[in-house]
């Protein structure tokens, strides 16, 4: 009944994005 997790357990996100910033400049 004992168990062991995989080395790949978990969540990952990689985002490649353009950015527009609106402020004083």
PDBML (XML) file of the C-alpha atoms, coordinates in Angstrom:
<?xml version="1.0" encoding="UTF-8" ?>
<PDBx:datablock datablockName="MODEL"
   xmlns:PDBx="http://pdbml.pdb.org/schema/pdbx-v50.xsd"
   xmlns:xsi="http://www.w3.org/2001/XMLSchema-instance"
   xsi:schemaLocation="http://pdbml.pdb.org/schema/pdbx-v50.xsd pdbx-v50.xsd">
   <PDBx:atom_siteCategory>
      <PDBx:atom_site id="1">
         <PDBx:B_iso_or_equiv>0.00</PDBx:B_iso_or_equiv>
         <PDBx:Cartn_x>0.000</PDBx:Cartn_x>
         <PDBx:Cartn_y>0.000</PDBx:Cartn_y>
         <PDBx:Cartn_z>0.000</PDBx:Cartn_z>
         <PDBx:auth_asym_id>A</PDBx:auth_asym_id>
         <PDBx:auth_atom_id>CA</PDBx:auth_atom_id>
         <PDBx:auth_comp_id>UNK</PDBx:auth_comp_id>
         <PDBx:auth_seq_id>1</PDBx:auth_seq_id>
         <PDBx:group_PDB>ATOM</PDBx:group_PDB>
         <PDBx:label_alt_id xsi:nil="true" />
         <PDBx:label_asym_id>A</PDBx:label_asym_id>
         <PDBx:label_atom_id>CA</PDBx:label_atom_id>
         <PDBx:label_comp_id>UNK</PDBx:label_comp_id>
         <PDBx:label_entity_id>1</PDBx:label_entity_id>
         <PDBx:label_seq_id>1</PDBx:label_seq_id>
         <PDBx:occupancy>1.00</PDBx:occupancy>
         <PDBx:pdbx_PDB_model_num>1</PDBx:pdbx_PDB_model_num>
         <PDBx:type_symbol>C</PDBx:type_symbol>
      </PDBx:atom_site>
      <PDBx:atom_site id="2">
         <PDBx:B_iso_or_equiv>0.00</PDBx:B_iso_or_equiv>
         <PDBx:Cartn_x>2.992</PDBx:Cartn_x>
         <PDBx:Cartn_y>2.352</PDBx:Cartn_y>
         <PDBx:Cartn_z>0.174</PDBx:Cartn_z>
         <PDBx:auth_asym_id>A</PDBx:auth_asym_id>
         <PDBx:auth_atom_id>CA</PDBx:auth_atom_id>
         <PDBx:auth_comp_id>UNK</PDBx:auth_comp_id>
         <PDBx:auth_seq_id>2</PDBx:auth_seq_id>
         <PDBx:group_PDB>ATOM</PDBx:group_PDB>
         <PDBx:label_alt_id xsi:nil="true" />
         <PDBx:label_asym_id>A</PDBx:label_asym_id>
         <PDBx:label_atom_id>CA</PDBx:label_atom_id>
         <PDBx:label_comp_id>UNK</PDBx:label_comp_id>
         <PDBx:label_entity_id>1</PDBx:label_entity_id>
         <PDBx:label_seq_id>2</PDBx:label_seq_id>
         <PDBx:occupancy>1.00</PDBx:occupancy>
         <PDBx:pdbx_PDB_model_num>1</PDBx:pdbx_PDB_model_num>
         <PDBx:type_symbol>C</PDBx:type_symbol>
      </PDBx:atom_site>
      <PDBx:atom_site id="3">
         <PDBx:B_iso_or_equiv>0.00</PDBx:B_iso_or_equiv>
         <PDBx:Cartn_x>3.512</PDBx:Cartn_x>
         <PDBx:Cartn_y>4.490</PDBx:Cartn_y>
         <PDBx:Cartn_z>-2.919</PDBx:Cartn_z>
         <PDBx:auth_asym_id>A</PDBx:auth_asym_id>
         <PDBx:auth_atom_id>CA</PDBx:auth_atom_id>
         <PDBx:auth_comp_id>UNK</PDBx:auth_comp_id>
         <PDBx:auth_seq_id>3</PDBx:auth_seq_id>
         <PDBx:group_PDB>ATOM</PDBx:group_PDB>
         <PDBx:label_alt_id xsi:nil="true" />
         <PDBx:label_asym_id>A</PDBx:label_asym_id>
         <PDBx:label_atom_id>CA</PDBx:label_atom_id>
         <PDBx:label_comp_id>UNK</PDBx:label_comp_id>
         <PDBx:label_entity_id>1</PDBx:label_entity_id>
         <PDBx:label_seq_id>3</PDBx:label_seq_id>
         <PDBx:occupancy>1.00</PDBx:occupancy>
         <PDBx:pdbx_PDB_model_num>1</PDBx:pdbx_PDB_model_num>
         <PDBx:type_symbol>C</PDBx:type_symbol>
      </PDBx:atom_site>
      <PDBx:atom_site id="4">
         <PDBx:B_iso_or_equiv>0.00</PDBx:B_iso_or_equiv>
         <PDBx:Cartn_x>6.199</PDBx:Cartn_x>
         <PDBx:Cartn_y>6.665</PDBx:Cartn_y>
         <PDBx:Cartn_z>-4.471</PDBx:Cartn_z>
         <PDBx:auth_asym_id>A</PDBx:auth_asym_id>
         <PDBx:auth_atom_id>CA</PDBx:auth_atom_id>
         <PDBx:auth_comp_id>UNK</PDBx:auth_comp_id>
         <PDBx:auth_seq_id>4</PDBx:auth_seq_id>
         <PDBx:group_PDB>ATOM</PDBx:group_PDB>
         <PDBx:label_alt_id xsi:nil="true" />
         <PDBx:label_asym_id>A</PDBx:label_asym_id>
         <PDBx:label_atom_id>CA</PDBx:label_atom_id>
         <PDBx:label_comp_id>UNK</PDBx:label_comp_id>
         <PDBx:label_entity_id>1</PDBx:label_entity_id>
         <PDBx:label_seq_id>4</PDBx:label_seq_id>
         <PDBx:occupancy>1.00</PDBx:occupancy>
         <PDBx:pdbx_PDB_model_num>1</PDBx:pdbx_PDB_model_num>
         <PDBx:type_symbol>C</PDBx:type_symbol>
      </PDBx:atom_site>
      <PDBx:atom_site id="5">
         <PDBx:B_iso_or_equiv>0.00</PDBx:B_iso_or_equiv>
         <PDBx:Cartn_x>5.693</PDBx:Cartn_x>
         <PDBx:Cartn_y>9.700</PDBx:Cartn_y>
         <PDBx:Cartn_z>-6.740</PDBx:Cartn_z>
         <PDBx:auth_asym_id>A</PDBx:auth_asym_id>
         <PDBx:auth_atom_id>CA</PDBx:auth_atom_id>
         <PDBx:auth_comp_id>UNK</PDBx:auth_comp_id>
         <PDBx:auth_seq_id>5</PDBx:auth_seq_id>
         <PDBx:group_PDB>ATOM</PDBx:group_PDB>
         <PDBx:label_alt_id xsi:nil="true" />
         <PDBx:label_asym_id>A</PDBx:label_asym_id>
         <PDBx:label_atom_id>CA</PDBx:label_atom_id>
         <PDBx:label_comp_id>UNK</PDBx:label_comp_id>
         <PDBx:label_entity_id>1</PDBx:label_entity_id>
         <PDBx:label_seq_id>5</PDBx:label_seq_id>
         <PDBx:occupancy>1.00</PDBx:occupancy>
         <PDBx:pdbx_PDB_model_num>1</PDBx:pdbx_PDB_model_num>
         <PDBx:type_symbol>C</PDBx:type_symbol>
      </PDBx:atom_site>
      <PDBx:atom_site id="6">
         <PDBx:B_iso_or_equiv>0.00</PDBx:B_iso_or_equiv>
         <PDBx:Cartn_x>7.272</PDBx:Cartn_x>
         <PDBx:Cartn_y>10.068</PDBx:Cartn_y>
         <PDBx:Cartn_z>-10.162</PDBx:Cartn_z>
         <PDBx:auth_asym_id>A</PDBx:auth_asym_id>
         <PDBx:auth_atom_id>CA</PDBx:auth_atom_id>
         <PDBx:auth_comp_id>UNK</PDBx:auth_comp_id>
         <PDBx:auth_seq_id>6</PDBx:auth_seq_id>
         <PDBx:group_PDB>ATOM</PDBx:group_PDB>
         <PDBx:label_alt_id xsi:nil="true" />
         <PDBx:label_asym_id>A</PDBx:label_asym_id>
         <PDBx:label_atom_id>CA</PDBx:label_atom_id>
         <PDBx:label_comp_id>UNK</PDBx:label_comp_id>
         <PDBx:label_entity_id>1</PDBx:label_entity_id>
         <PDBx:label_seq_id>6</PDBx:label_seq_id>
         <PDBx:occupancy>1.00</PDBx:occupancy>
         <PDBx:pdbx_PDB_model_num>1</PDBx:pdbx_PDB_model_num>
         <PDBx:type_symbol>C</PDBx:type_symbol>
      </PDBx:atom_site>
      <PDBx:atom_site id="7">
         <PDBx:B_iso_or_equiv>0.00</PDBx:B_iso_or_equiv>
         <PDBx:Cartn_x>10.126</PDBx:Cartn_x>
         <PDBx:Cartn_y>12.514</PDBx:Cartn_y>
         <PDBx:Cartn_z>-10.682</PDBx:Cartn_z>
         <PDBx:auth_asym_id>A</PDBx:auth_asym_id>
         <PDBx:auth_atom_id>CA</PDBx:auth_atom_id>
         <PDBx:auth_comp_id>UNK</PDBx:auth_comp_id>
         <PDBx:auth_seq_id>7</PDBx:auth_seq_id>
         <PDBx:group_PDB>ATOM</PDBx:group_PDB>
         <PDBx:label_alt_id xsi:nil="true" />
         <PDBx:label_asym_id>A</PDBx:label_asym_id>
         <PDBx:label_atom_id>CA</PDBx:label_atom_id>
         <PDBx:label_comp_id>UNK</PDBx:label_comp_id>
         <PDBx:label_entity_id>1</PDBx:label_entity_id>
         <PDBx:label_seq_id>7</PDBx:label_seq_id>
         <PDBx:occupancy>1.00</PDBx:occupancy>
         <PDBx:pdbx_PDB_model_num>1</PDBx:pdbx_PDB_model_num>
         <PDBx:type_symbol>C</PDBx:type_symbol>
      </PDBx:atom_site>
      <PDBx:atom_site id="8">
         <PDBx:B_iso_or_equiv>0.00</PDBx:B_iso_or_equiv>
         <PDBx:Cartn_x>7.889</PDBx:Cartn_x>
         <PDBx:Cartn_y>14.380</PDBx:Cartn_y>
         <PDBx:Cartn_z>-13.172</PDBx:Cartn_z>
         <PDBx:auth_asym_id>A</PDBx:auth_asym_id>
         <PDBx:auth_atom_id>CA</PDBx:auth_atom_id>
         <PDBx:auth_comp_id>UNK</PDBx:auth_comp_id>
         <PDBx:auth_seq_id>8</PDBx:auth_seq_id>
         <PDBx:group_PDB>ATOM</PDBx:group_PDB>
         <PDBx:label_alt_id xsi:nil="true" />
         <PDBx:label_asym_id>A</PDBx:label_asym_id>
         <PDBx:label_atom_id>CA</PDBx:label_atom_id>
         <PDBx:label_comp_id>UNK</PDBx:label_comp_id>
         <PDBx:label_entity_id>1</PDBx:label_entity_id>
         <PDBx:label_seq_id>8</PDBx:label_seq_id>
         <PDBx:occupancy>1.00</PDBx:occupancy>
         <PDBx:pdbx_PDB_model_num>1</PDBx:pdbx_PDB_model_num>
         <PDBx:type_symbol>C</PDBx:type_symbol>
      </PDBx:atom_site>
      <PDBx:atom_site id="9">
         <PDBx:B_iso_or_equiv>0.00</PDBx:B_iso_or_equiv>
         <PDBx:Cartn_x>5.032</PDBx:Cartn_x>
         <PDBx:Cartn_y>14.981</PDBx:Cartn_y>
         <PDBx:Cartn_z>-10.712</PDBx:Cartn_z>
         <PDBx:auth_asym_id>A</PDBx:auth_asym_id>
         <PDBx:auth_atom_id>CA</PDBx:auth_atom_id>
         <PDBx:auth_comp_id>UNK</PDBx:auth_comp_id>
         <PDBx:auth_seq_id>9</PDBx:auth_seq_id>
         <PDBx:group_PDB>ATOM</PDBx:group_PDB>
         <PDBx:label_alt_id xsi:nil="true" />
         <PDBx:label_asym_id>A</PDBx:label_asym_id>
         <PDBx:label_atom_id>CA</PDBx:label_atom_id>
         <PDBx:label_comp_id>UNK</PDBx:label_comp_id>
         <PDBx:label_entity_id>1</PDBx:label_entity_id>
         <PDBx:label_seq_id>9</PDBx:label_seq_id>
         <PDBx:occupancy>1.00</PDBx:occupancy>
         <PDBx:pdbx_PDB_model_num>1</PDBx:pdbx_PDB_model_num>
         <PDBx:type_symbol>C</PDBx:type_symbol>
      </PDBx:atom_site>
      <PDBx:atom_site id="10">
         <PDBx:B_iso_or_equiv>0.00</PDBx:B_iso_or_equiv>
         <PDBx:Cartn_x>3.806</PDBx:Cartn_x>
         <PDBx:Cartn_y>18.539</PDBx:Cartn_y>
         <PDBx:Cartn_z>-10.763</PDBx:Cartn_z>
         <PDBx:auth_asym_id>A</PDBx:auth_asym_id>
         <PDBx:auth_atom_id>CA</PDBx:auth_atom_id>
         <PDBx:auth_comp_id>UNK</PDBx:auth_comp_id>
         <PDBx:auth_seq_id>10</PDBx:auth_seq_id>
         <PDBx:group_PDB>ATOM</PDBx:group_PDB>
         <PDBx:label_alt_id xsi:nil="true" />
         <PDBx:label_asym_id>A</PDBx:label_asym_id>
         <PDBx:label_atom_id>CA</PDBx:label_atom_id>
         <PDBx:label_comp_id>UNK</PDBx:label_comp_id>
         <PDBx:label_entity_id>1</PDBx:label_entity_id>
         <PDBx:label_seq_id>10</PDBx:label_seq_id>
         <PDBx:occupancy>1.00</PDBx:occupancy>
         <PDBx:pdbx_PDB_model_num>1</PDBx:pdbx_PDB_model_num>
         <PDBx:type_symbol>C</PDBx:type_symbol>
      </PDBx:atom_site>
      <PDBx:atom_site id="11">
         <PDBx:B_iso_or_equiv>0.00</PDBx:B_iso_or_equiv>
         <PDBx:Cartn_x>2.666</PDBx:Cartn_x>
         <PDBx:Cartn_y>21.372</PDBx:Cartn_y>
         <PDBx:Cartn_z>-13.039</PDBx:Cartn_z>
         <PDBx:auth_asym_id>A</PDBx:auth_asym_id>
         <PDBx:auth_atom_id>CA</PDBx:auth_atom_id>
         <PDBx:auth_comp_id>UNK</PDBx:auth_comp_id>
         <PDBx:auth_seq_id>11</PDBx:auth_seq_id>
         <PDBx:group_PDB>ATOM</PDBx:group_PDB>
         <PDBx:label_alt_id xsi:nil="true" />
         <PDBx:label_asym_id>A</PDBx:label_asym_id>
         <PDBx:label_atom_id>CA</PDBx:label_atom_id>
         <PDBx:label_comp_id>UNK</PDBx:label_comp_id>
         <PDBx:label_entity_id>1</PDBx:label_entity_id>
         <PDBx:label_seq_id>11</PDBx:label_seq_id>
         <PDBx:occupancy>1.00</PDBx:occupancy>
         <PDBx:pdbx_PDB_model_num>1</PDBx:pdbx_PDB_model_num>
         <PDBx:type_symbol>C</PDBx:type_symbol>
      </PDBx:atom_site>
      <PDBx:atom_site id="12">
         <PDBx:B_iso_or_equiv>0.00</PDBx:B_iso_or_equiv>
         <PDBx:Cartn_x>4.802</PDBx:Cartn_x>
         <PDBx:Cartn_y>23.520</PDBx:Cartn_y>
         <PDBx:Cartn_z>-15.347</PDBx:Cartn_z>
         <PDBx:auth_asym_id>A</PDBx:auth_asym_id>
         <PDBx:auth_atom_id>CA</PDBx:auth_atom_id>
         <PDBx:auth_comp_id>UNK</PDBx:auth_comp_id>
         <PDBx:auth_seq_id>12</PDBx:auth_seq_id>
         <PDBx:group_PDB>ATOM</PDBx:group_PDB>
         <PDBx:label_alt_id xsi:nil="true" />
         <PDBx:label_asym_id>A</PDBx:label_asym_id>
         <PDBx:label_atom_id>CA</PDBx:label_atom_id>
         <PDBx:label_comp_id>UNK</PDBx:label_comp_id>
         <PDBx:label_entity_id>1</PDBx:label_entity_id>
         <PDBx:label_seq_id>12</PDBx:label_seq_id>
         <PDBx:occupancy>1.00</PDBx:occupancy>
         <PDBx:pdbx_PDB_model_num>1</PDBx:pdbx_PDB_model_num>
         <PDBx:type_symbol>C</PDBx:type_symbol>
      </PDBx:atom_site>
      <PDBx:atom_site id="13">
         <PDBx:B_iso_or_equiv>0.00</PDBx:B_iso_or_equiv>
         <PDBx:Cartn_x>3.966</PDBx:Cartn_x>
         <PDBx:Cartn_y>26.448</PDBx:Cartn_y>
         <PDBx:Cartn_z>-17.622</PDBx:Cartn_z>
         <PDBx:auth_asym_id>A</PDBx:auth_asym_id>
         <PDBx:auth_atom_id>CA</PDBx:auth_atom_id>
         <PDBx:auth_comp_id>UNK</PDBx:auth_comp_id>
         <PDBx:auth_seq_id>13</PDBx:auth_seq_id>
         <PDBx:group_PDB>ATOM</PDBx:group_PDB>
         <PDBx:label_alt_id xsi:nil="true" />
         <PDBx:label_asym_id>A</PDBx:label_asym_id>
         <PDBx:label_atom_id>CA</PDBx:label_atom_id>
         <PDBx:label_comp_id>UNK</PDBx:label_comp_id>
         <PDBx:label_entity_id>1</PDBx:label_entity_id>
         <PDBx:label_seq_id>13</PDBx:label_seq_id>
         <PDBx:occupancy>1.00</PDBx:occupancy>
         <PDBx:pdbx_PDB_model_num>1</PDBx:pdbx_PDB_model_num>
         <PDBx:type_symbol>C</PDBx:type_symbol>
      </PDBx:atom_site>
      <PDBx:atom_site id="14">
         <PDBx:B_iso_or_equiv>0.00</PDBx:B_iso_or_equiv>
         <PDBx:Cartn_x>6.291</PDBx:Cartn_x>
         <PDBx:Cartn_y>28.236</PDBx:Cartn_y>
         <PDBx:Cartn_z>-20.026</PDBx:Cartn_z>
         <PDBx:auth_asym_id>A</PDBx:auth_asym_id>
         <PDBx:auth_atom_id>CA</PDBx:auth_atom_id>
         <PDBx:auth_comp_id>UNK</PDBx:auth_comp_id>
         <PDBx:auth_seq_id>14</PDBx:auth_seq_id>
         <PDBx:group_PDB>ATOM</PDBx:group_PDB>
         <PDBx:label_alt_id xsi:nil="true" />
         <PDBx:label_asym_id>A</PDBx:label_asym_id>
         <PDBx:label_atom_id>CA</PDBx:label_atom_id>
         <PDBx:label_comp_id>UNK</PDBx:label_comp_id>
         <PDBx:label_entity_id>1</PDBx:label_entity_id>
         <PDBx:label_seq_id>14</PDBx:label_seq_id>
         <PDBx:occupancy>1.00</PDBx:occupancy>
         <PDBx:pdbx_PDB_model_num>1</PDBx:pdbx_PDB_model_num>
         <PDBx:type_symbol>C</PDBx:type_symbol>
      </PDBx:atom_site>
      <PDBx:atom_site id="15">
         <PDBx:B_iso_or_equiv>0.00</PDBx:B_iso_or_equiv>
         <PDBx:Cartn_x>4.886</PDBx:Cartn_x>
         <PDBx:Cartn_y>31.358</PDBx:Cartn_y>
         <PDBx:Cartn_z>-21.688</PDBx:Cartn_z>
         <PDBx:auth_asym_id>A</PDBx:auth_asym_id>
         <PDBx:auth_atom_id>CA</PDBx:auth_atom_id>
         <PDBx:auth_comp_id>UNK</PDBx:auth_comp_id>
         <PDBx:auth_seq_id>15</PDBx:auth_seq_id>
         <PDBx:group_PDB>ATOM</PDBx:group_PDB>
         <PDBx:label_alt_id xsi:nil="true" />
         <PDBx:label_asym_id>A</PDBx:label_asym_id>
         <PDBx:label_atom_id>CA</PDBx:label_atom_id>
         <PDBx:label_comp_id>UNK</PDBx:label_comp_id>
         <PDBx:label_entity_id>1</PDBx:label_entity_id>
         <PDBx:label_seq_id>15</PDBx:label_seq_id>
         <PDBx:occupancy>1.00</PDBx:occupancy>
         <PDBx:pdbx_PDB_model_num>1</PDBx:pdbx_PDB_model_num>
         <PDBx:type_symbol>C</PDBx:type_symbol>
      </PDBx:atom_site>
      <PDBx:atom_site id="16">
         <PDBx:B_iso_or_equiv>0.00</PDBx:B_iso_or_equiv>
         <PDBx:Cartn_x>6.424</PDBx:Cartn_x>
         <PDBx:Cartn_y>33.318</PDBx:Cartn_y>
         <PDBx:Cartn_z>-24.564</PDBx:Cartn_z>
         <PDBx:auth_asym_id>A</PDBx:auth_asym_id>
         <PDBx:auth_atom_id>CA</PDBx:auth_atom_id>
         <PDBx:auth_comp_id>UNK</PDBx:auth_comp_id>
         <PDBx:auth_seq_id>16</PDBx:auth_seq_id>
         <PDBx:group_PDB>ATOM</PDBx:group_PDB>
         <PDBx:label_alt_id xsi:nil="true" />
         <PDBx:label_asym_id>A</PDBx:label_asym_id>
         <PDBx:label_atom_id>CA</PDBx:label_atom_id>
         <PDBx:label_comp_id>UNK</PDBx:label_comp_id>
         <PDBx:label_entity_id>1</PDBx:label_entity_id>
         <PDBx:label_seq_id>16</PDBx:label_seq_id>
         <PDBx:occupancy>1.00</PDBx:occupancy>
         <PDBx:pdbx_PDB_model_num>1</PDBx:pdbx_PDB_model_num>
         <PDBx:type_symbol>C</PDBx:type_symbol>
      </PDBx:atom_site>
      <PDBx:atom_site id="17">
         <PDBx:B_iso_or_equiv>0.00</PDBx:B_iso_or_equiv>
         <PDBx:Cartn_x>4.643</PDBx:Cartn_x>
         <PDBx:Cartn_y>36.669</PDBx:Cartn_y>
         <PDBx:Cartn_z>-24.805</PDBx:Cartn_z>
         <PDBx:auth_asym_id>A</PDBx:auth_asym_id>
         <PDBx:auth_atom_id>CA</PDBx:auth_atom_id>
         <PDBx:auth_comp_id>UNK</PDBx:auth_comp_id>
         <PDBx:auth_seq_id>17</PDBx:auth_seq_id>
         <PDBx:group_PDB>ATOM</PDBx:group_PDB>
         <PDBx:label_alt_id xsi:nil="true" />
         <PDBx:label_asym_id>A</PDBx:label_asym_id>
         <PDBx:label_atom_id>CA</PDBx:label_atom_id>
         <PDBx:label_comp_id>UNK</PDBx:label_comp_id>
         <PDBx:label_entity_id>1</PDBx:label_entity_id>
         <PDBx:label_seq_id>17</PDBx:label_seq_id>
         <PDBx:occupancy>1.00</PDBx:occupancy>
         <PDBx:pdbx_PDB_model_num>1</PDBx:pdbx_PDB_model_num>
         <PDBx:type_symbol>C</PDBx:type_symbol>
      </PDBx:atom_site>
      <PDBx:atom_site id="18">
         <PDBx:B_iso_or_equiv>0.00</PDBx:B_iso_or_equiv>
         <PDBx:Cartn_x>4.854</PDBx:Cartn_x>
         <PDBx:Cartn_y>40.127</PDBx:Cartn_y>
         <PDBx:Cartn_z>-26.286</PDBx:Cartn_z>
         <PDBx:auth_asym_id>A</PDBx:auth_asym_id>
         <PDBx:auth_atom_id>CA</PDBx:auth_atom_id>
         <PDBx:auth_comp_id>UNK</PDBx:auth_comp_id>
         <PDBx:auth_seq_id>18</PDBx:auth_seq_id>
         <PDBx:group_PDB>ATOM</PDBx:group_PDB>
         <PDBx:label_alt_id xsi:nil="true" />
         <PDBx:label_asym_id>A</PDBx:label_asym_id>
         <PDBx:label_atom_id>CA</PDBx:label_atom_id>
         <PDBx:label_comp_id>UNK</PDBx:label_comp_id>
         <PDBx:label_entity_id>1</PDBx:label_entity_id>
         <PDBx:label_seq_id>18</PDBx:label_seq_id>
         <PDBx:occupancy>1.00</PDBx:occupancy>
         <PDBx:pdbx_PDB_model_num>1</PDBx:pdbx_PDB_model_num>
         <PDBx:type_symbol>C</PDBx:type_symbol>
      </PDBx:atom_site>
      <PDBx:atom_site id="19">
         <PDBx:B_iso_or_equiv>0.00</PDBx:B_iso_or_equiv>
         <PDBx:Cartn_x>4.435</PDBx:Cartn_x>
         <PDBx:Cartn_y>42.954</PDBx:Cartn_y>
         <PDBx:Cartn_z>-23.767</PDBx:Cartn_z>
         <PDBx:auth_asym_id>A</PDBx:auth_asym_id>
         <PDBx:auth_atom_id>CA</PDBx:auth_atom_id>
         <PDBx:auth_comp_id>UNK</PDBx:auth_comp_id>
         <PDBx:auth_seq_id>19</PDBx:auth_seq_id>
         <PDBx:group_PDB>ATOM</PDBx:group_PDB>
         <PDBx:label_alt_id xsi:nil="true" />
         <PDBx:label_asym_id>A</PDBx:label_asym_id>
         <PDBx:label_atom_id>CA</PDBx:label_atom_id>
         <PDBx:label_comp_id>UNK</PDBx:label_comp_id>
         <PDBx:label_entity_id>1</PDBx:label_entity_id>
         <PDBx:label_seq_id>19</PDBx:label_seq_id>
         <PDBx:occupancy>1.00</PDBx:occupancy>
         <PDBx:pdbx_PDB_model_num>1</PDBx:pdbx_PDB_model_num>
         <PDBx:type_symbol>C</PDBx:type_symbol>
      </PDBx:atom_site>
      <PDBx:atom_site id="20">
         <PDBx:B_iso_or_equiv>0.00</PDBx:B_iso_or_equiv>
         <PDBx:Cartn_x>2.780</PDBx:Cartn_x>
         <PDBx:Cartn_y>46.368</PDBx:Cartn_y>
         <PDBx:Cartn_z>-23.946</PDBx:Cartn_z>
         <PDBx:auth_asym_id>A</PDBx:auth_asym_id>
         <PDBx:auth_atom_id>CA</PDBx:auth_atom_id>
         <PDBx:auth_comp_id>UNK</PDBx:auth_comp_id>
         <PDBx:auth_seq_id>20</PDBx:auth_seq_id>
         <PDBx:group_PDB>ATOM</PDBx:group_PDB>
         <PDBx:label_alt_id xsi:nil="true" />
         <PDBx:label_asym_id>A</PDBx:label_asym_id>
         <PDBx:label_atom_id>CA</PDBx:label_atom_id>
         <PDBx:label_comp_id>UNK</PDBx:label_comp_id>
         <PDBx:label_entity_id>1</PDBx:label_entity_id>
         <PDBx:label_seq_id>20</PDBx:label_seq_id>
         <PDBx:occupancy>1.00</PDBx:occupancy>
         <PDBx:pdbx_PDB_model_num>1</PDBx:pdbx_PDB_model_num>
         <PDBx:type_symbol>C</PDBx:type_symbol>
      </PDBx:atom_site>
      <PDBx:atom_site id="21">
         <PDBx:B_iso_or_equiv>0.00</PDBx:B_iso_or_equiv>
         <PDBx:Cartn_x>3.354</PDBx:Cartn_x>
         <PDBx:Cartn_y>48.665</PDBx:Cartn_y>
         <PDBx:Cartn_z>-20.962</PDBx:Cartn_z>
         <PDBx:auth_asym_id>A</PDBx:auth_asym_id>
         <PDBx:auth_atom_id>CA</PDBx:auth_atom_id>
         <PDBx:auth_comp_id>UNK</PDBx:auth_comp_id>
         <PDBx:auth_seq_id>21</PDBx:auth_seq_id>
         <PDBx:group_PDB>ATOM</PDBx:group_PDB>
         <PDBx:label_alt_id xsi:nil="true" />
         <PDBx:label_asym_id>A</PDBx:label_asym_id>
         <PDBx:label_atom_id>CA</PDBx:label_atom_id>
         <PDBx:label_comp_id>UNK</PDBx:label_comp_id>
         <PDBx:label_entity_id>1</PDBx:label_entity_id>
         <PDBx:label_seq_id>21</PDBx:label_seq_id>
         <PDBx:occupancy>1.00</PDBx:occupancy>
         <PDBx:pdbx_PDB_model_num>1</PDBx:pdbx_PDB_model_num>
         <PDBx:type_symbol>C</PDBx:type_symbol>
      </PDBx:atom_site>
      <PDBx:atom_site id="22">
         <PDBx:B_iso_or_equiv>0.00</PDBx:B_iso_or_equiv>
         <PDBx:Cartn_x>1.247</PDBx:Cartn_x>
         <PDBx:Cartn_y>51.796</PDBx:Cartn_y>
         <PDBx:Cartn_z>-20.430</PDBx:Cartn_z>
         <PDBx:auth_asym_id>A</PDBx:auth_asym_id>
         <PDBx:auth_atom_id>CA</PDBx:auth_atom_id>
         <PDBx:auth_comp_id>UNK</PDBx:auth_comp_id>
         <PDBx:auth_seq_id>22</PDBx:auth_seq_id>
         <PDBx:group_PDB>ATOM</PDBx:group_PDB>
         <PDBx:label_alt_id xsi:nil="true" />
         <PDBx:label_asym_id>A</PDBx:label_asym_id>
         <PDBx:label_atom_id>CA</PDBx:label_atom_id>
         <PDBx:label_comp_id>UNK</PDBx:label_comp_id>
         <PDBx:label_entity_id>1</PDBx:label_entity_id>
         <PDBx:label_seq_id>22</PDBx:label_seq_id>
         <PDBx:occupancy>1.00</PDBx:occupancy>
         <PDBx:pdbx_PDB_model_num>1</PDBx:pdbx_PDB_model_num>
         <PDBx:type_symbol>C</PDBx:type_symbol>
      </PDBx:atom_site>
      <PDBx:atom_site id="23">
         <PDBx:B_iso_or_equiv>0.00</PDBx:B_iso_or_equiv>
         <PDBx:Cartn_x>2.348</PDBx:Cartn_x>
         <PDBx:Cartn_y>54.220</PDBx:Cartn_y>
         <PDBx:Cartn_z>-17.725</PDBx:Cartn_z>
         <PDBx:auth_asym_id>A</PDBx:auth_asym_id>
         <PDBx:auth_atom_id>CA</PDBx:auth_atom_id>
         <PDBx:auth_comp_id>UNK</PDBx:auth_comp_id>
         <PDBx:auth_seq_id>23</PDBx:auth_seq_id>
         <PDBx:group_PDB>ATOM</PDBx:group_PDB>
         <PDBx:label_alt_id xsi:nil="true" />
         <PDBx:label_asym_id>A</PDBx:label_asym_id>
         <PDBx:label_atom_id>CA</PDBx:label_atom_id>
         <PDBx:label_comp_id>UNK</PDBx:label_comp_id>
         <PDBx:label_entity_id>1</PDBx:label_entity_id>
         <PDBx:label_seq_id>23</PDBx:label_seq_id>
         <PDBx:occupancy>1.00</PDBx:occupancy>
         <PDBx:pdbx_PDB_model_num>1</PDBx:pdbx_PDB_model_num>
         <PDBx:type_symbol>C</PDBx:type_symbol>
      </PDBx:atom_site>
      <PDBx:atom_site id="24">
         <PDBx:B_iso_or_equiv>0.00</PDBx:B_iso_or_equiv>
         <PDBx:Cartn_x>4.272</PDBx:Cartn_x>
         <PDBx:Cartn_y>57.471</PDBx:Cartn_y>
         <PDBx:Cartn_z>-17.603</PDBx:Cartn_z>
         <PDBx:auth_asym_id>A</PDBx:auth_asym_id>
         <PDBx:auth_atom_id>CA</PDBx:auth_atom_id>
         <PDBx:auth_comp_id>UNK</PDBx:auth_comp_id>
         <PDBx:auth_seq_id>24</PDBx:auth_seq_id>
         <PDBx:group_PDB>ATOM</PDBx:group_PDB>
         <PDBx:label_alt_id xsi:nil="true" />
         <PDBx:label_asym_id>A</PDBx:label_asym_id>
         <PDBx:label_atom_id>CA</PDBx:label_atom_id>
         <PDBx:label_comp_id>UNK</PDBx:label_comp_id>
         <PDBx:label_entity_id>1</PDBx:label_entity_id>
         <PDBx:label_seq_id>24</PDBx:label_seq_id>
         <PDBx:occupancy>1.00</PDBx:occupancy>
         <PDBx:pdbx_PDB_model_num>1</PDBx:pdbx_PDB_model_num>
         <PDBx:type_symbol>C</PDBx:type_symbol>
      </PDBx:atom_site>
      <PDBx:atom_site id="25">
         <PDBx:B_iso_or_equiv>0.00</PDBx:B_iso_or_equiv>
         <PDBx:Cartn_x>5.953</PDBx:Cartn_x>
         <PDBx:Cartn_y>56.114</PDBx:Cartn_y>
         <PDBx:Cartn_z>-20.730</PDBx:Cartn_z>
         <PDBx:auth_asym_id>A</PDBx:auth_asym_id>
         <PDBx:auth_atom_id>CA</PDBx:auth_atom_id>
         <PDBx:auth_comp_id>UNK</PDBx:auth_comp_id>
         <PDBx:auth_seq_id>25</PDBx:auth_seq_id>
         <PDBx:group_PDB>ATOM</PDBx:group_PDB>
         <PDBx:label_alt_id xsi:nil="true" />
         <PDBx:label_asym_id>A</PDBx:label_asym_id>
         <PDBx:label_atom_id>CA</PDBx:label_atom_id>
         <PDBx:label_comp_id>UNK</PDBx:label_comp_id>
         <PDBx:label_entity_id>1</PDBx:label_entity_id>
         <PDBx:label_seq_id>25</PDBx:label_seq_id>
         <PDBx:occupancy>1.00</PDBx:occupancy>
         <PDBx:pdbx_PDB_model_num>1</PDBx:pdbx_PDB_model_num>
         <PDBx:type_symbol>C</PDBx:type_symbol>
      </PDBx:atom_site>
   </PDBx:atom_siteCategory>
</PDBx:datablock>
